Protein backbone atom coordinates (compact mmCIF):
# COMPACT_ATOMS: atom_id res chain seq x y z
CA UNK A 1 0.00 0.00 0.00
CA UNK A 2 2.78 2.43 0.89
CA UNK A 3 4.52 1.82 -2.44
CA UNK A 4 1.29 2.46 -4.32
CA UNK A 5 0.69 5.68 -2.41
CA UNK A 6 4.22 6.93 -3.04
CA UNK A 7 3.94 6.08 -6.74
CA UNK A 8 0.61 7.89 -6.90
CA UNK A 9 2.15 10.92 -5.17
CA UNK A 10 5.09 10.98 -7.59
CA UNK A 11 2.71 10.68 -10.52
CA UNK A 12 0.52 13.55 -9.31
CA UNK A 13 3.62 15.65 -8.56
CA UNK A 14 4.93 15.08 -12.09
CA UNK A 15 1.54 15.96 -13.54
CA UNK A 16 1.47 19.17 -11.47
CA UNK A 17 4.99 20.09 -12.60
CA UNK A 18 4.09 19.45 -16.25
CA UNK A 19 0.83 21.38 -15.92
CA UNK A 20 2.53 24.37 -14.28
CA UNK A 21 5.29 24.36 -16.90
CA UNK A 22 2.72 24.22 -19.70
CA UNK A 23 0.72 27.09 -18.19
CA UNK A 24 3.87 29.16 -17.72
CA UNK A 25 4.98 28.52 -21.31
CA UNK A 26 1.54 29.38 -22.73
CA UNK A 27 1.42 32.61 -20.70
CA UNK A 28 4.98 33.53 -21.71
CA UNK A 29 4.31 32.91 -25.41
CA UNK A 30 1.03 34.84 -25.31
CA UNK A 31 1.81 38.44 -26.41
CA UNK A 32 -1.12 39.98 -24.52
CA UNK A 33 0.03 38.86 -21.04
CA UNK A 34 2.97 40.28 -19.11
PDB file of N, CA and C in Angstrom:
ATOM      1  N   UNK A   1       0.851  -1.203   0.000  1.00  0.00           N
ATOM      2  CA  UNK A   1       0.000   0.000   0.000  1.00  0.00           C
ATOM      3  C   UNK A   1       0.884   1.251   0.000  1.00  0.00           C
ATOM      4  N   UNK A   2       1.922   1.241   0.827  1.00  0.00           N
ATOM      5  CA  UNK A   2       2.784   2.427   0.887  1.00  0.00           C
ATOM      6  C   UNK A   2       3.418   2.713  -0.473  1.00  0.00           C
ATOM      7  N   UNK A   3       3.879   1.637  -1.134  1.00  0.00           N
ATOM      8  CA  UNK A   3       4.522   1.816  -2.438  1.00  0.00           C
ATOM      9  C   UNK A   3       3.530   2.432  -3.425  1.00  0.00           C
ATOM     10  N   UNK A   4       2.294   1.921  -3.412  1.00  0.00           N
ATOM     11  CA  UNK A   4       1.291   2.459  -4.323  1.00  0.00           C
ATOM     12  C   UNK A   4       1.029   3.928  -4.053  1.00  0.00           C
ATOM     13  N   UNK A   5       0.957   4.284  -2.766  1.00  0.00           N
ATOM     14  CA  UNK A   5       0.692   5.675  -2.413  1.00  0.00           C
ATOM     15  C   UNK A   5       1.833   6.573  -2.877  1.00  0.00           C
ATOM     16  N   UNK A   6       3.070   6.117  -2.641  1.00  0.00           N
ATOM     17  CA  UNK A   6       4.222   6.932  -3.036  1.00  0.00           C
ATOM     18  C   UNK A   6       4.247   7.094  -4.561  1.00  0.00           C
ATOM     19  N   UNK A   7       3.957   5.994  -5.282  1.00  0.00           N
ATOM     20  CA  UNK A   7       3.939   6.079  -6.743  1.00  0.00           C
ATOM     21  C   UNK A   7       2.860   7.053  -7.191  1.00  0.00           C
ATOM     22  N   UNK A   8       1.701   6.986  -6.535  1.00  0.00           N
ATOM     23  CA  UNK A   8       0.606   7.891  -6.898  1.00  0.00           C
ATOM     24  C   UNK A   8       1.024   9.338  -6.644  1.00  0.00           C
ATOM     25  N   UNK A   9       1.705   9.563  -5.507  1.00  0.00           N
ATOM     26  CA  UNK A   9       2.152  10.916  -5.172  1.00  0.00           C
ATOM     27  C   UNK A   9       3.143  11.431  -6.200  1.00  0.00           C
ATOM     28  N   UNK A  10       4.091  10.565  -6.581  1.00  0.00           N
ATOM     29  CA  UNK A  10       5.086  10.975  -7.585  1.00  0.00           C
ATOM     30  C   UNK A  10       4.388  11.295  -8.899  1.00  0.00           C
ATOM     31  N   UNK A  11       3.412  10.473  -9.251  1.00  0.00           N
ATOM     32  CA  UNK A  11       2.707  10.684 -10.518  1.00  0.00           C
ATOM     33  C   UNK A  11       1.966  12.017 -10.504  1.00  0.00           C
ATOM     34  N   UNK A  12       1.268  12.284  -9.407  1.00  0.00           N
ATOM     35  CA  UNK A  12       0.523  13.546  -9.308  1.00  0.00           C
ATOM     36  C   UNK A  12       1.494  14.726  -9.296  1.00  0.00           C
ATOM     37  N   UNK A  13       2.625  14.572  -8.607  1.00  0.00           N
ATOM     38  CA  UNK A  13       3.617  15.649  -8.557  1.00  0.00           C
ATOM     39  C   UNK A  13       4.138  15.948  -9.966  1.00  0.00           C
ATOM     40  N   UNK A  14       4.437  14.884 -10.721  1.00  0.00           N
ATOM     41  CA  UNK A  14       4.929  15.079 -12.089  1.00  0.00           C
ATOM     42  C   UNK A  14       3.865  15.772 -12.935  1.00  0.00           C
ATOM     43  N   UNK A  15       2.616  15.338 -12.775  1.00  0.00           N
ATOM     44  CA  UNK A  15       1.538  15.965 -13.542  1.00  0.00           C
ATOM     45  C   UNK A  15       1.417  17.442 -13.192  1.00  0.00           C
ATOM     46  N   UNK A  16       1.545  17.762 -11.896  1.00  0.00           N
ATOM     47  CA  UNK A  16       1.469  19.167 -11.473  1.00  0.00           C
ATOM     48  C   UNK A  16       2.623  19.964 -12.084  1.00  0.00           C
ATOM     49  N   UNK A  17       3.821  19.398 -12.043  1.00  0.00           N
ATOM     50  CA  UNK A  17       4.986  20.094 -12.601  1.00  0.00           C
ATOM     51  C   UNK A  17       4.780  20.342 -14.097  1.00  0.00           C
ATOM     52  N   UNK A  18       4.317  19.305 -14.811  1.00  0.00           N
ATOM     53  CA  UNK A  18       4.092  19.452 -16.249  1.00  0.00           C
ATOM     54  C   UNK A  18       3.007  20.485 -16.511  1.00  0.00           C
ATOM     55  N   UNK A  19       1.934  20.428 -15.729  1.00  0.00           N
ATOM     56  CA  UNK A  19       0.833  21.378 -15.916  1.00  0.00           C
ATOM     57  C   UNK A  19       1.291  22.806 -15.671  1.00  0.00           C
ATOM     58  N   UNK A  20       2.049  23.012 -14.597  1.00  0.00           N
ATOM     59  CA  UNK A  20       2.529  24.368 -14.285  1.00  0.00           C
ATOM     60  C   UNK A  20       3.469  24.854 -15.380  1.00  0.00           C
ATOM     61  N   UNK A  21       4.360  23.976 -15.837  1.00  0.00           N
ATOM     62  CA  UNK A  21       5.289  24.360 -16.898  1.00  0.00           C
ATOM     63  C   UNK A  21       4.535  24.723 -18.168  1.00  0.00           C
ATOM     64  N   UNK A  22       3.502  23.948 -18.491  1.00  0.00           N
ATOM     65  CA  UNK A  22       2.716  24.219 -19.696  1.00  0.00           C
ATOM     66  C   UNK A  22       2.016  25.561 -19.581  1.00  0.00           C
ATOM     67  N   UNK A  23       1.421  25.817 -18.398  1.00  0.00           N
ATOM     68  CA  UNK A  23       0.724  27.091 -18.190  1.00  0.00           C
ATOM     69  C   UNK A  23       1.709  28.249 -18.304  1.00  0.00           C
ATOM     70  N   UNK A  24       2.872  28.082 -17.688  1.00  0.00           N
ATOM     71  CA  UNK A  24       3.874  29.159 -17.716  1.00  0.00           C
ATOM     72  C   UNK A  24       4.308  29.437 -19.155  1.00  0.00           C
ATOM     73  N   UNK A  25       4.539  28.346 -19.925  1.00  0.00           N
ATOM     74  CA  UNK A  25       4.975  28.522 -21.309  1.00  0.00           C
ATOM     75  C   UNK A  25       3.891  29.215 -22.133  1.00  0.00           C
ATOM     76  N   UNK A  26       2.638  28.784 -21.955  1.00  0.00           N
ATOM     77  CA  UNK A  26       1.543  29.380 -22.732  1.00  0.00           C
ATOM     78  C   UNK A  26       1.395  30.860 -22.385  1.00  0.00           C
ATOM     79  N   UNK A  27       1.534  31.197 -21.105  1.00  0.00           N
ATOM     80  CA  UNK A  27       1.419  32.605 -20.696  1.00  0.00           C
ATOM     81  C   UNK A  27       2.594  33.415 -21.242  1.00  0.00           C
ATOM     82  N   UNK A  28       3.788  32.814 -21.244  1.00  0.00           N
ATOM     83  CA  UNK A  28       4.980  33.525 -21.714  1.00  0.00           C
ATOM     84  C   UNK A  28       4.898  33.758 -23.227  1.00  0.00           C
ATOM     85  N   UNK A  29       4.365  32.774 -23.954  1.00  0.00           N
ATOM     86  CA  UNK A  29       4.311  32.908 -25.412  1.00  0.00           C
ATOM     87  C   UNK A  29       3.156  33.818 -25.830  1.00  0.00           C
ATOM     88  N   UNK A  30       2.163  33.981 -24.958  1.00  0.00           N
ATOM     89  CA  UNK A  30       1.028  34.843 -25.311  1.00  0.00           C
ATOM     90  C   UNK A  30       1.473  36.309 -25.279  1.00  0.00           C
ATOM     91  N   UNK A  31       1.327  37.055 -26.345  1.00  0.00           N
ATOM     92  CA  UNK A  31       1.808  38.444 -26.407  1.00  0.00           C
ATOM     93  C   UNK A  31       0.989  39.397 -25.540  1.00  0.00           C
ATOM     94  N   UNK A  32      -0.253  39.065 -25.283  1.00  0.00           N
ATOM     95  CA  UNK A  32      -1.115  39.982 -24.519  1.00  0.00           C
ATOM     96  C   UNK A  32      -0.754  40.025 -23.046  1.00  0.00           C
ATOM     97  N   UNK A  33      -0.251  38.906 -22.485  1.00  0.00           N
ATOM     98  CA  UNK A  33       0.032  38.861 -21.041  1.00  0.00           C
ATOM     99  C   UNK A  33       1.447  39.353 -20.750  1.00  0.00           C
ATOM    100  N   UNK A  34       1.667  39.759 -19.496  1.00  0.00           N
ATOM    101  CA  UNK A  34       2.972  40.276 -19.111  1.00  0.00           C
ATOM    102  C   UNK A  34       3.981  39.147 -18.967  1.00  0.00           C
TER     103      UNK A  34
END
